[in-house]
Amino acid sequence: ETDRKLAANPYQVVDNGGYLFFLMSDDEVLGVCALFNEGNGVYELARMAVSPKHQGKAYSKQLMEHCLNKLKILQAKKVYLVSNTKLETAIHLYKKYGFQTVSEGPHPVYSRANIVMERVL
């Protein structure tokens, strides 16, 4: 349900002080991600995805580095993400960029999620 509400109005992220990022080539979207503003210098890194035909080209690294640079400019205190341990490549990326597991198990909001990771900035 949370995803459906967001899909119906993605600009609510921006309206709430967050950011939407798109990695594009010409008119094609290669990858996307968002930073949801949770308040008090805390952001959620969310909805990071790279088009299947463009995976394996380090675009997720570019998105991650762009988000972390934006958080530095914002002087954010912490960023967290919610994911699933089945997404081994994503979990590896998050660990590479300093995210640490803070909880594992069923998530109260995202039914497909089973891991929460964070990085103190």
PDB file of N, CA and C in Angstrom:
ATOM      1  N   GLU A   1       0.833  -1.205   0.000  1.00  0.00           N
ATOM      2  CA  GLU A   1       0.000   0.000   0.000  1.00  0.00           C
ATOM      3  C   GLU A   1       0.868   1.256   0.000  1.00  0.00           C
ATOM      4  N   THR A   2       1.949   1.221   0.756  1.00  0.00           N
ATOM      5  CA  THR A   2       2.869   2.362   0.807  1.00  0.00           C
ATOM      6  C   THR A   2       3.424   2.667  -0.580  1.00  0.00           C
ATOM      7  N   ASP A   3       3.808   1.628  -1.311  1.00  0.00           N
ATOM      8  CA  ASP A   3       4.344   1.822  -2.660  1.00  0.00           C
ATOM      9  C   ASP A   3       3.287   2.380  -3.607  1.00  0.00           C
ATOM     10  N   ARG A   4       2.062   1.943  -3.471  1.00  0.00           N
ATOM     11  CA  ARG A   4       0.987   2.439  -4.342  1.00  0.00           C
ATOM     12  C   ARG A   4       0.722   3.923  -4.107  1.00  0.00           C
ATOM     13  N   LYS A   5       0.730   4.338  -2.860  1.00  0.00           N
ATOM     14  CA  LYS A   5       0.525   5.758  -2.557  1.00  0.00           C
ATOM     15  C   LYS A   5       1.654   6.606  -3.139  1.00  0.00           C
ATOM     16  N   LEU A   6       2.870   6.109  -3.022  1.00  0.00           N
ATOM     17  CA  LEU A   6       4.007   6.835  -3.568  1.00  0.00           C
ATOM     18  C   LEU A   6       3.938   6.892  -5.095  1.00  0.00           C
ATOM     19  N   ALA A   7       3.583   5.787  -5.729  1.00  0.00           N
ATOM     20  CA  ALA A   7       3.483   5.752  -7.187  1.00  0.00           C
ATOM     21  C   ALA A   7       2.404   6.711  -7.697  1.00  0.00           C
ATOM     22  N   ALA A   8       1.353   6.879  -6.937  1.00  0.00           N
ATOM     23  CA  ALA A   8       0.270   7.776  -7.342  1.00  0.00           C
ATOM     24  C   ALA A   8       0.701   9.236  -7.299  1.00  0.00           C
ATOM     25  N   ASN A   9       1.656   9.564  -6.432  1.00  0.00           N
ATOM     26  CA  ASN A   9       2.120  10.942  -6.310  1.00  0.00           C
ATOM     27  C   ASN A   9       3.587  10.949  -5.878  1.00  0.00           C
ATOM     28  N   PRO A  10       4.506  10.655  -6.806  1.00  0.00           N
ATOM     29  CA  PRO A  10       5.920  10.581  -6.424  1.00  0.00           C
ATOM     30  C   PRO A  10       6.491  11.911  -5.942  1.00  0.00           C
ATOM     31  N   TYR A  11       5.894  13.019  -6.363  1.00  0.00           N
ATOM     32  CA  TYR A  11       6.446  14.315  -5.966  1.00  0.00           C
ATOM     33  C   TYR A  11       6.150  14.663  -4.520  1.00  0.00           C
ATOM     34  N   GLN A  12       5.403  13.783  -3.821  1.00  0.00           N
ATOM     35  CA  GLN A  12       5.230  13.997  -2.392  1.00  0.00           C
ATOM     36  C   GLN A  12       6.574  13.903  -1.675  1.00  0.00           C
ATOM     37  N   VAL A  13       7.511  13.169  -2.258  1.00  0.00           N
ATOM     38  CA  VAL A  13       8.871  13.075  -1.695  1.00  0.00           C
ATOM     39  C   VAL A  13       9.484  14.465  -1.644  1.00  0.00           C
ATOM     40  N   VAL A  14       9.398  15.197  -2.746  1.00  0.00           N
ATOM     41  CA  VAL A  14       9.952  16.548  -2.835  1.00  0.00           C
ATOM     42  C   VAL A  14       9.154  17.506  -1.958  1.00  0.00           C
ATOM     43  N   ASP A  15       7.834  17.372  -1.980  1.00  0.00           N
ATOM     44  CA  ASP A  15       6.979  18.230  -1.154  1.00  0.00           C
ATOM     45  C   ASP A  15       7.306  18.089   0.333  1.00  0.00           C
ATOM     46  N   ASN A  16       7.810  16.909   0.726  1.00  0.00           N
ATOM     47  CA  ASN A  16       8.165  16.662   2.125  1.00  0.00           C
ATOM     48  C   ASN A  16       9.645  16.913   2.419  1.00  0.00           C
ATOM     49  N   GLY A  17      10.338  17.599   1.505  1.00  0.00           N
ATOM     50  CA  GLY A  17      11.732  17.959   1.741  1.00  0.00           C
ATOM     51  C   GLY A  17      12.739  16.926   1.289  1.00  0.00           C
ATOM     52  N   GLY A  18      12.298  15.944   0.520  1.00  0.00           N
ATOM     53  CA  GLY A  18      13.205  14.920   0.026  1.00  0.00           C
ATOM     54  C   GLY A  18      13.646  15.188  -1.396  1.00  0.00           C
ATOM     55  N   TYR A  19      14.268  14.193  -2.001  1.00  0.00           N
ATOM     56  CA  TYR A  19      14.861  14.350  -3.324  1.00  0.00           C
ATOM     57  C   TYR A  19      14.617  13.104  -4.167  1.00  0.00           C
ATOM     58  N   LEU A  20      14.402  13.307  -5.460  1.00  0.00           N
ATOM     59  CA  LEU A  20      14.307  12.233  -6.442  1.00  0.00           C
ATOM     60  C   LEU A  20      15.463  12.397  -7.407  1.00  0.00           C
ATOM     61  N   PHE A  21      16.181  11.318  -7.681  1.00  0.00           N
ATOM     62  CA  PHE A  21      17.313  11.364  -8.597  1.00  0.00           C
ATOM     63  C   PHE A  21      17.093  10.389  -9.744  1.00  0.00           C
ATOM     64  N   PHE A  22      17.425  10.829 -10.939  1.00  0.00           N
ATOM     65  CA  PHE A  22      17.291  10.020 -12.133  1.00  0.00           C
ATOM     66  C   PHE A  22      18.617  10.038 -12.869  1.00  0.00           C
ATOM     67  N   LEU A  23      19.141   8.890 -13.205  1.00  0.00           N
ATOM     68  CA  LEU A  23      20.333   8.779 -14.029  1.00  0.00           C
ATOM     69  C   LEU A  23      19.834   8.530 -15.450  1.00  0.00           C
ATOM     70  N   MET A  24      20.148   9.472 -16.338  1.00  0.00           N
ATOM     71  CA  MET A  24      19.583   9.414 -17.680  1.00  0.00           C
ATOM     72  C   MET A  24      20.655   9.479 -18.752  1.00  0.00           C
ATOM     73  N   SER A  25      20.317   8.914 -19.905  1.00  0.00           N
ATOM     74  CA  SER A  25      21.127   9.022 -21.106  1.00  0.00           C
ATOM     75  C   SER A  25      20.163   9.351 -22.234  1.00  0.00           C
ATOM     76  N   ASP A  26      20.363  10.498 -22.834  1.00  0.00           N
ATOM     77  CA  ASP A  26      19.407  11.030 -23.809  1.00  0.00           C
ATOM     78  C   ASP A  26      18.041  11.104 -23.120  1.00  0.00           C
ATOM     79  N   ASP A  27      17.037  10.443 -23.634  1.00  0.00           N
ATOM     80  CA  ASP A  27      15.706  10.477 -23.025  1.00  0.00           C
ATOM     81  C   ASP A  27      15.391   9.197 -22.251  1.00  0.00           C
ATOM     82  N   GLU A  28      16.385   8.364 -22.018  1.00  0.00           N
ATOM     83  CA  GLU A  28      16.166   7.082 -21.356  1.00  0.00           C
ATOM     84  C   GLU A  28      16.597   7.140 -19.895  1.00  0.00           C
ATOM     85  N   VAL A  29      15.734   6.657 -19.016  1.00  0.00           N
ATOM     86  CA  VAL A  29      16.066   6.567 -17.592  1.00  0.00           C
ATOM     87  C   VAL A  29      16.838   5.265 -17.375  1.00  0.00           C
ATOM     88  N   LEU A  30      18.061   5.397 -16.862  1.00  0.00           N
ATOM     89  CA  LEU A  30      18.909   4.237 -16.598  1.00  0.00           C
ATOM     90  C   LEU A  30      18.731   3.737 -15.173  1.00  0.00           C
ATOM     91  N   GLY A  31      18.525   4.678 -14.249  1.00  0.00           N
ATOM     92  CA  GLY A  31      18.380   4.321 -12.847  1.00  0.00           C
ATOM     93  C   GLY A  31      17.717   5.438 -12.072  1.00  0.00           C
ATOM     94  N   VAL A  32      17.204   5.096 -10.901  1.00  0.00           N
ATOM     95  CA  VAL A  32      16.510   6.060 -10.049  1.00  0.00           C
ATOM     96  C   VAL A  32      16.808   5.767  -8.589  1.00  0.00           C
ATOM     97  N   CYS A  33      16.614   6.771  -7.755  1.00  0.00           N
ATOM     98  CA  CYS A  33      16.609   6.584  -6.308  1.00  0.00           C
ATOM     99  C   CYS A  33      16.035   7.835  -5.660  1.00  0.00           C
ATOM    100  N   ALA A  34      15.740   7.714  -4.389  1.00  0.00           N
ATOM    101  CA  ALA A  34      15.132   8.820  -3.661  1.00  0.00           C
ATOM    102  C   ALA A  34      15.750   8.938  -2.282  1.00  0.00           C
ATOM    103  N   LEU A  35      15.694  10.150  -1.760  1.00  0.00           N
ATOM    104  CA  LEU A  35      16.023  10.412  -0.362  1.00  0.00           C
ATOM    105  C   LEU A  35      14.763  10.975   0.272  1.00  0.00           C
ATOM    106  N   PHE A  36      14.185  10.230   1.201  1.00  0.00           N
ATOM    107  CA  PHE A  36      13.006  10.691   1.927  1.00  0.00           C
ATOM    108  C   PHE A  36      13.485  11.435   3.170  1.00  0.00           C
ATOM    109  N   ASN A  37      12.987  12.635   3.373  1.00  0.00           N
ATOM    110  CA  ASN A  37      13.355  13.429   4.544  1.00  0.00           C
ATOM    111  C   ASN A  37      12.519  12.967   5.737  1.00  0.00           C
ATOM    112  N   GLU A  38      13.186  12.401   6.718  1.00  0.00           N
ATOM    113  CA  GLU A  38      12.507  11.920   7.924  1.00  0.00           C
ATOM    114  C   GLU A  38      12.544  12.957   9.045  1.00  0.00           C
ATOM    115  N   GLY A  39      13.225  14.077   8.811  1.00  0.00           N
ATOM    116  CA  GLY A  39      13.338  15.126   9.824  1.00  0.00           C
ATOM    117  C   GLY A  39      14.558  14.953  10.695  1.00  0.00           C
ATOM    118  N   ASN A  40      14.957  16.027  11.342  1.00  0.00           N
ATOM    119  CA  ASN A  40      16.091  16.025  12.278  1.00  0.00           C
ATOM    120  C   ASN A  40      17.384  15.505  11.665  1.00  0.00           C
ATOM    121  N   GLY A  41      17.592  15.784  10.368  1.00  0.00           N
ATOM    122  CA  GLY A  41      18.834  15.370   9.726  1.00  0.00           C
ATOM    123  C   GLY A  41      18.900  13.904   9.348  1.00  0.00           C
ATOM    124  N   VAL A  42      17.767  13.214   9.371  1.00  0.00           N
ATOM    125  CA  VAL A  42      17.714  11.791   9.031  1.00  0.00           C
ATOM    126  C   VAL A  42      16.985  11.626   7.700  1.00  0.00           C
ATOM    127  N   TYR A  43      17.575  10.828   6.812  1.00  0.00           N
ATOM    128  CA  TYR A  43      16.982  10.549   5.507  1.00  0.00           C
ATOM    129  C   TYR A  43      16.916   9.048   5.276  1.00  0.00           C
ATOM    130  N   GLU A  44      15.910   8.640   4.523  1.00  0.00           N
ATOM    131  CA  GLU A  44      15.835   7.256   4.072  1.00  0.00           C
ATOM    132  C   GLU A  44      16.258   7.210   2.608  1.00  0.00           C
ATOM    133  N   LEU A  45      17.226   6.365   2.297  1.00  0.00           N
ATOM    134  CA  LEU A  45      17.609   6.092   0.922  1.00  0.00           C
ATOM    135  C   LEU A  45      16.645   5.027   0.418  1.00  0.00           C
ATOM    136  N   ALA A  46      15.872   5.345  -0.612  1.00  0.00           N
ATOM    137  CA  ALA A  46      14.801   4.438  -1.012  1.00  0.00           C
ATOM    138  C   ALA A  46      14.653   4.344  -2.514  1.00  0.00           C
ATOM    139  N   ARG A  47      14.028   3.276  -2.930  1.00  0.00           N
ATOM    140  CA  ARG A  47      13.633   3.045  -4.319  1.00  0.00           C
ATOM    141  C   ARG A  47      14.798   3.093  -5.299  1.00  0.00           C
ATOM    142  N   MET A  48      15.979   2.672  -4.837  1.00  0.00           N
ATOM    143  CA  MET A  48      17.117   2.634  -5.750  1.00  0.00           C
ATOM    144  C   MET A  48      16.929   1.456  -6.702  1.00  0.00           C
ATOM    145  N   ALA A  49      16.997   1.744  -7.985  1.00  0.00           N
ATOM    146  CA  ALA A  49      16.847   0.704  -8.993  1.00  0.00           C
ATOM    147  C   ALA A  49      17.560   1.124 -10.273  1.00  0.00           C
ATOM    148  N   VAL A  50      18.117   0.146 -10.960  1.00  0.00           N
ATOM    149  CA  VAL A  50      18.734   0.356 -12.263  1.00  0.00           C
ATOM    150  C   VAL A  50      18.004  -0.548 -13.249  1.00  0.00           C
ATOM    151  N   SER A  51      17.692   0.003 -14.403  1.00  0.00           N
ATOM    152  CA  SER A  51      17.008  -0.751 -15.446  1.00  0.00           C
ATOM    153  C   SER A  51      17.747  -2.061 -15.708  1.00  0.00           C
ATOM    154  N   PRO A  52      17.012  -3.173 -15.808  1.00  0.00           N
ATOM    155  CA  PRO A  52      17.683  -4.463 -16.023  1.00  0.00           C
ATOM    156  C   PRO A  52      18.663  -4.474 -17.187  1.00  0.00           C
ATOM    157  N   LYS A  53      18.348  -3.790 -18.265  1.00  0.00           N
ATOM    158  CA  LYS A  53      19.273  -3.826 -19.411  1.00  0.00           C
ATOM    159  C   LYS A  53      20.518  -2.970 -19.192  1.00  0.00           C
ATOM    160  N   HIS A  54      20.562  -2.209 -18.097  1.00  0.00           N
ATOM    161  CA  HIS A  54      21.725  -1.371 -17.815  1.00  0.00           C
ATOM    162  C   HIS A  54      22.458  -1.793 -16.542  1.00  0.00           C
ATOM    163  N   GLN A  55      22.076  -2.922 -15.971  1.00  0.00           N
ATOM    164  CA  GLN A  55      22.762  -3.386 -14.766  1.00  0.00           C
ATOM    165  C   GLN A  55      24.159  -3.886 -15.112  1.00  0.00           C
ATOM    166  N   GLY A  56      25.045  -3.836 -14.144  1.00  0.00           N
ATOM    167  CA  GLY A  56      26.413  -4.272 -14.358  1.00  0.00           C
ATOM    168  C   GLY A  56      27.312  -3.198 -14.957  1.00  0.00           C
ATOM    169  N   LYS A  57      26.827  -1.959 -15.001  1.00  0.00           N
ATOM    170  CA  LYS A  57      27.596  -0.860 -15.582  1.00  0.00           C
ATOM    171  C   LYS A  57      27.982   0.186 -14.538  1.00  0.00           C
ATOM    172  N   ALA A  58      27.888  -0.176 -13.273  1.00  0.00           N
ATOM    173  CA  ALA A  58      28.263   0.690 -12.147  1.00  0.00           C
ATOM    174  C   ALA A  58      27.335   1.886 -11.962  1.00  0.00           C
ATOM    175  N   TYR A  59      26.134   1.831 -12.526  1.00  0.00           N
ATOM    176  CA  TYR A  59      25.199   2.941 -12.347  1.00  0.00           C
ATOM    177  C   TYR A  59      24.697   3.033 -10.913  1.00  0.00           C
ATOM    178  N   SER A  60      24.571   1.904 -10.237  1.00  0.00           N
ATOM    179  CA  SER A  60      24.135   1.955  -8.836  1.00  0.00           C
ATOM    180  C   SER A  60      25.175   2.668  -7.980  1.00  0.00           C
ATOM    181  N   LYS A  61      26.437   2.514  -8.304  1.00  0.00           N
ATOM    182  CA  LYS A  61      27.493   3.224  -7.583  1.00  0.00           C
ATOM    183  C   LYS A  61      27.384   4.725  -7.813  1.00  0.00           C
ATOM    184  N   GLN A  62      27.103   5.111  -9.047  1.00  0.00           N
ATOM    185  CA  GLN A  62      26.941   6.537  -9.344  1.00  0.00           C
ATOM    186  C   GLN A  62      25.765   7.120  -8.569  1.00  0.00           C
ATOM    187  N   LEU A  63      24.661   6.393  -8.525  1.00  0.00           N
ATOM    188  CA  LEU A  63      23.495   6.857  -7.768  1.00  0.00           C
ATOM    189  C   LEU A  63      23.827   6.966  -6.279  1.00  0.00           C
ATOM    190  N   MET A  64      24.486   5.954  -5.747  1.00  0.00           N
ATOM    191  CA  MET A  64      24.842   5.952  -4.329  1.00  0.00           C
ATOM    192  C   MET A  64      25.757   7.134  -4.004  1.00  0.00           C
ATOM    193  N   GLU A  65      26.777   7.335  -4.806  1.00  0.00           N
ATOM    194  CA  GLU A  65      27.717   8.427  -4.549  1.00  0.00           C
ATOM    195  C   GLU A  65      27.029   9.784  -4.665  1.00  0.00           C
ATOM    196  N   HIS A  66      26.113   9.913  -5.599  1.00  0.00           N
ATOM    197  CA  HIS A  66      25.377  11.171  -5.734  1.00  0.00           C
ATOM    198  C   HIS A  66      24.528  11.419  -4.478  1.00  0.00           C
ATOM    199  N   CYS A  67      23.855  10.389  -4.007  1.00  0.00           N
ATOM    200  CA  CYS A  67      23.037  10.536  -2.791  1.00  0.00           C
ATOM    201  C   CYS A  67      23.890  10.901  -1.589  1.00  0.00           C
ATOM    202  N   LEU A  68      25.015  10.225  -1.434  1.00  0.00           N
ATOM    203  CA  LEU A  68      25.881  10.512  -0.285  1.00  0.00           C
ATOM    204  C   LEU A  68      26.464  11.919  -0.364  1.00  0.00           C
ATOM    205  N   ASN A  69      26.793  12.375  -1.568  1.00  0.00           N
ATOM    206  CA  ASN A  69      27.271  13.743  -1.722  1.00  0.00           C
ATOM    207  C   ASN A  69      26.182  14.751  -1.375  1.00  0.00           C
ATOM    208  N   LYS A  70      24.956  14.472  -1.792  1.00  0.00           N
ATOM    209  CA  LYS A  70      23.841  15.364  -1.464  1.00  0.00           C
ATOM    210  C   LYS A  70      23.629  15.417   0.045  1.00  0.00           C
ATOM    211  N   LEU A  71      23.713  14.274   0.693  1.00  0.00           N
ATOM    212  CA  LEU A  71      23.555  14.231   2.149  1.00  0.00           C
ATOM    213  C   LEU A  71      24.651  15.019   2.855  1.00  0.00           C
ATOM    214  N   LYS A  72      25.860  14.990   2.302  1.00  0.00           N
ATOM    215  CA  LYS A  72      26.959  15.763   2.871  1.00  0.00           C
ATOM    216  C   LYS A  72      26.665  17.252   2.754  1.00  0.00           C
ATOM    217  N   ILE A  73      26.194  17.673   1.588  1.00  0.00           N
ATOM    218  CA  ILE A  73      25.835  19.084   1.379  1.00  0.00           C
ATOM    219  C   ILE A  73      24.731  19.502   2.350  1.00  0.00           C
ATOM    220  N   LEU A  74      23.772  18.610   2.577  1.00  0.00           N
ATOM    221  CA  LEU A  74      22.657  18.891   3.486  1.00  0.00           C
ATOM    222  C   LEU A  74      23.070  18.833   4.959  1.00  0.00           C
ATOM    223  N   GLN A  75      24.282  18.376   5.217  1.00  0.00           N
ATOM    224  CA  GLN A  75      24.780  18.158   6.575  1.00  0.00           C
ATOM    225  C   GLN A  75      23.858  17.218   7.352  1.00  0.00           C
ATOM    226  N   ALA A  76      23.408  16.176   6.648  1.00  0.00           N
ATOM    227  CA  ALA A  76      22.561  15.163   7.275  1.00  0.00           C
ATOM    228  C   ALA A  76      23.347  14.421   8.346  1.00  0.00           C
ATOM    229  N   LYS A  77      22.630  13.903   9.322  1.00  0.00           N
ATOM    230  CA  LYS A  77      23.262  13.174  10.423  1.00  0.00           C
ATOM    231  C   LYS A  77      23.307  11.676  10.175  1.00  0.00           C
ATOM    232  N   LYS A  78      22.268  11.174   9.491  1.00  0.00           N
ATOM    233  CA  LYS A  78      22.171   9.726   9.317  1.00  0.00           C
ATOM    234  C   LYS A  78      21.311   9.427   8.101  1.00  0.00           C
ATOM    235  N   VAL A  79      21.623   8.320   7.442  1.00  0.00           N
ATOM    236  CA  VAL A  79      20.804   7.809   6.348  1.00  0.00           C
ATOM    237  C   VAL A  79      20.577   6.321   6.616  1.00  0.00           C
ATOM    238  N   TYR A  80      19.371   5.874   6.355  1.00  0.00           N
ATOM    239  CA  TYR A  80      19.070   4.454   6.524  1.00  0.00           C
ATOM    240  C   TYR A  80      18.331   3.949   5.288  1.00  0.00           C
ATOM    241  N   LEU A  81      18.249   2.642   5.171  1.00  0.00           N
ATOM    242  CA  LEU A  81      17.525   2.028   4.068  1.00  0.00           C
ATOM    243  C   LEU A  81      16.866   0.750   4.553  1.00  0.00           C
ATOM    244  N   VAL A  82      15.841   0.360   3.830  1.00  0.00           N
ATOM    245  CA  VAL A  82      15.096  -0.860   4.115  1.00  0.00           C
ATOM    246  C   VAL A  82      15.203  -1.721   2.867  1.00  0.00           C
ATOM    247  N   SER A  83      15.589  -2.990   3.023  1.00  0.00           N
ATOM    248  CA  SER A  83      15.808  -3.840   1.860  1.00  0.00           C
ATOM    249  C   SER A  83      15.445  -5.280   2.181  1.00  0.00           C
ATOM    250  N   ASN A  84      15.925  -6.191   1.337  1.00  0.00           N
ATOM    251  CA  ASN A  84      15.705  -7.616   1.543  1.00  0.00           C
ATOM    252  C   ASN A  84      17.030  -8.327   1.331  1.00  0.00           C
ATOM    253  N   THR A  85      17.341  -9.242   2.209  1.00  0.00           N
ATOM    254  CA  THR A  85      18.624  -9.950   2.155  1.00  0.00           C
ATOM    255  C   THR A  85      18.767 -10.804   0.896  1.00  0.00           C
ATOM    256  N   LYS A  86      17.666 -11.091   0.210  1.00  0.00           N
ATOM    257  CA  LYS A  86      17.753 -11.823  -1.059  1.00  0.00           C
ATOM    258  C   LYS A  86      18.436 -10.993  -2.140  1.00  0.00           C
ATOM    259  N   LEU A  87      18.443  -9.683  -1.969  1.00  0.00           N
ATOM    260  CA  LEU A  87      19.074  -8.781  -2.940  1.00  0.00           C
ATOM    261  C   LEU A  87      20.566  -8.672  -2.610  1.00  0.00           C
ATOM    262  N   GLU A  88      21.273  -9.758  -2.807  1.00  0.00           N
ATOM    263  CA  GLU A  88      22.664  -9.862  -2.367  1.00  0.00           C
ATOM    264  C   GLU A  88      23.569  -8.794  -2.973  1.00  0.00           C
ATOM    265  N   THR A  89      23.375  -8.488  -4.238  1.00  0.00           N
ATOM    266  CA  THR A  89      24.208  -7.472  -4.888  1.00  0.00           C
ATOM    267  C   THR A  89      23.978  -6.108  -4.244  1.00  0.00           C
ATOM    268  N   ALA A  90      22.725  -5.792  -3.963  1.00  0.00           N
ATOM    269  CA  ALA A  90      22.408  -4.512  -3.322  1.00  0.00           C
ATOM    270  C   ALA A  90      22.992  -4.456  -1.912  1.00  0.00           C
ATOM    271  N   ILE A  91      22.831  -5.512  -1.148  1.00  0.00           N
ATOM    272  CA  ILE A  91      23.358  -5.545   0.225  1.00  0.00           C
ATOM    273  C   ILE A  91      24.871  -5.362   0.198  1.00  0.00           C
ATOM    274  N   HIS A  92      25.531  -5.997  -0.757  1.00  0.00           N
ATOM    275  CA  HIS A  92      26.987  -5.840  -0.894  1.00  0.00           C
ATOM    276  C   HIS A  92      27.344  -4.374  -1.172  1.00  0.00           C
ATOM    277  N   LEU A  93      26.578  -3.732  -2.056  1.00  0.00           N
ATOM    278  CA  LEU A  93      26.809  -2.314  -2.367  1.00  0.00           C
ATOM    279  C   LEU A  93      26.644  -1.465  -1.118  1.00  0.00           C
ATOM    280  N   TYR A  94      25.580  -1.694  -0.380  1.00  0.00           N
ATOM    281  CA  TYR A  94      25.329  -0.894   0.824  1.00  0.00           C
ATOM    282  C   TYR A  94      26.470  -1.055   1.829  1.00  0.00           C
ATOM    283  N   LYS A  95      26.923  -2.277   2.021  1.00  0.00           N
ATOM    284  CA  LYS A  95      28.031  -2.513   2.956  1.00  0.00           C
ATOM    285  C   LYS A  95      29.300  -1.818   2.461  1.00  0.00           C
ATOM    286  N   LYS A  96      29.527  -1.862   1.159  1.00  0.00           N
ATOM    287  CA  LYS A  96      30.707  -1.216   0.575  1.00  0.00           C
ATOM    288  C   LYS A  96      30.721   0.275   0.878  1.00  0.00           C
ATOM    289  N   TYR A  97      29.547   0.876   0.972  1.00  0.00           N
ATOM    290  CA  TYR A  97      29.444   2.313   1.236  1.00  0.00           C
ATOM    291  C   TYR A  97      29.192   2.619   2.719  1.00  0.00           C
ATOM    292  N   GLY A  98      29.507   1.666   3.575  1.00  0.00           N
ATOM    293  CA  GLY A  98      29.516   1.934   5.003  1.00  0.00           C
ATOM    294  C   GLY A  98      28.205   1.747   5.746  1.00  0.00           C
ATOM    295  N   PHE A  99      27.193   1.182   5.103  1.00  0.00           N
ATOM    296  CA  PHE A  99      25.940   0.904   5.806  1.00  0.00           C
ATOM    297  C   PHE A  99      26.107  -0.330   6.674  1.00  0.00           C
ATOM    298  N   GLN A 100      25.534  -0.271   7.854  1.00  0.00           N
ATOM    299  CA  GLN A 100      25.603  -1.397   8.786  1.00  0.00           C
ATOM    300  C   GLN A 100      24.195  -1.852   9.132  1.00  0.00           C
ATOM    301  N   THR A 101      24.050  -3.144   9.325  1.00  0.00           N
ATOM    302  CA  THR A 101      22.748  -3.718   9.666  1.00  0.00           C
ATOM    303  C   THR A 101      22.350  -3.288  11.069  1.00  0.00           C
ATOM    304  N   VAL A 102      21.140  -2.762  11.208  1.00  0.00           N
ATOM    305  CA  VAL A 102      20.628  -2.401  12.537  1.00  0.00           C
ATOM    306  C   VAL A 102      19.502  -3.330  12.969  1.00  0.00           C
ATOM    307  N   SER A 103      18.830  -3.972  12.005  1.00  0.00           N
ATOM    308  CA  SER A 103      17.825  -4.973  12.370  1.00  0.00           C
ATOM    309  C   SER A 103      17.547  -5.888  11.186  1.00  0.00           C
ATOM    310  N   GLU A 104      17.179  -7.117  11.515  1.00  0.00           N
ATOM    311  CA  GLU A 104      16.760  -8.089  10.509  1.00  0.00           C
ATOM    312  C   GLU A 104      15.473  -8.728  10.969  1.00  0.00           C
ATOM    313  N   GLY A 105      14.652  -9.108  10.017  1.00  0.00           N
ATOM    314  CA  GLY A 105      13.368  -9.727  10.310  1.00  0.00           C
ATOM    315  C   GLY A 105      12.255  -8.954   9.625  1.00  0.00           C
ATOM    316  N   PRO A 106      11.033  -9.390   9.792  1.00  0.00           N
ATOM    317  CA  PRO A 106       9.895  -8.726   9.136  1.00  0.00           C
ATOM    318  C   PRO A 106       9.838  -7.235   9.461  1.00  0.00           C
ATOM    319  N   HIS A 107       9.532  -6.442   8.445  1.00  0.00           N
ATOM    320  CA  HIS A 107       9.439  -4.998   8.625  1.00  0.00           C
ATOM    321  C   HIS A 107       7.978  -4.609   8.820  1.00  0.00           C
ATOM    322  N   PRO A 108       7.688  -3.673   9.727  1.00  0.00           N
ATOM    323  CA  PRO A 108       6.292  -3.321  10.021  1.00  0.00           C
ATOM    324  C   PRO A 108       5.567  -2.566   8.899  1.00  0.00           C
ATOM    325  N   VAL A 109       6.299  -1.945   7.978  1.00  0.00           N
ATOM    326  CA  VAL A 109       5.662  -1.167   6.906  1.00  0.00           C
ATOM    327  C   VAL A 109       5.806  -1.848   5.548  1.00  0.00           C
ATOM    328  N   TYR A 110       7.015  -2.296   5.229  1.00  0.00           N
ATOM    329  CA  TYR A 110       7.295  -2.887   3.922  1.00  0.00           C
ATOM    330  C   TYR A 110       7.285  -4.415   4.033  1.00  0.00           C
ATOM    331  N   SER A 111       6.261  -5.035   3.512  1.00  0.00           N
ATOM    332  CA  SER A 111       6.080  -6.478   3.676  1.00  0.00           C
ATOM    333  C   SER A 111       7.186  -7.303   3.010  1.00  0.00           C
ATOM    334  N   ARG A 112       7.816  -6.767   1.980  1.00  0.00           N
ATOM    335  CA  ARG A 112       8.880  -7.512   1.289  1.00  0.00           C
ATOM    336  C   ARG A 112      10.245  -7.314   1.932  1.00  0.00           C
ATOM    337  N   ALA A 113      10.342  -6.444   2.903  1.00  0.00           N
ATOM    338  CA  ALA A 113      11.640  -6.108   3.507  1.00  0.00           C
ATOM    339  C   ALA A 113      11.935  -6.965   4.730  1.00  0.00           C
ATOM    340  N   ASN A 114      13.235  -7.248   4.923  1.00  0.00           N
ATOM    341  CA  ASN A 114      13.642  -7.994   6.116  1.00  0.00           C
ATOM    342  C   ASN A 114      14.972  -7.512   6.696  1.00  0.00           C
ATOM    343  N   ILE A 115      15.436  -6.352   6.239  1.00  0.00           N
ATOM    344  CA  ILE A 115      16.679  -5.817   6.786  1.00  0.00           C
ATOM    345  C   ILE A 115      16.622  -4.285   6.760  1.00  0.00           C
ATOM    346  N   VAL A 116      17.134  -3.682   7.836  1.00  0.00           N
ATOM    347  CA  VAL A 116      17.281  -2.223   7.913  1.00  0.00           C
ATOM    348  C   VAL A 116      18.759  -1.963   8.137  1.00  0.00           C
ATOM    349  N   MET A 117      19.315  -1.070   7.314  1.00  0.00           N
ATOM    350  CA  MET A 117      20.721  -0.710   7.422  1.00  0.00           C
ATOM    351  C   MET A 117      20.830   0.794   7.546  1.00  0.00           C
ATOM    352  N   GLU A 118      21.886   1.259   8.212  1.00  0.00           N
ATOM    353  CA  GLU A 118      22.061   2.699   8.339  1.00  0.00           C
ATOM    354  C   GLU A 118      23.537   3.056   8.261  1.00  0.00           C
ATOM    355  N   ARG A 119      23.739   4.335   8.008  1.00  0.00           N
ATOM    356  CA  ARG A 119      25.085   4.898   7.999  1.00  0.00           C
ATOM    357  C   ARG A 119      25.017   6.237   8.703  1.00  0.00           C
ATOM    358  N   VAL A 120      25.810   6.393   9.729  1.00  0.00           N
ATOM    359  CA  VAL A 120      25.901   7.676  10.413  1.00  0.00           C
ATOM    360  C   VAL A 120      26.855   8.528   9.591  1.00  0.00           C
ATOM    361  N   LEU A 121      26.453   9.776   9.364  1.00  0.00           N
ATOM    362  CA  LEU A 121      27.227  10.653   8.487  1.00  0.00           C
ATOM    363  C   LEU A 121      28.077  11.644   9.272  1.00  0.00           C
TER     364      LEU A 121
END
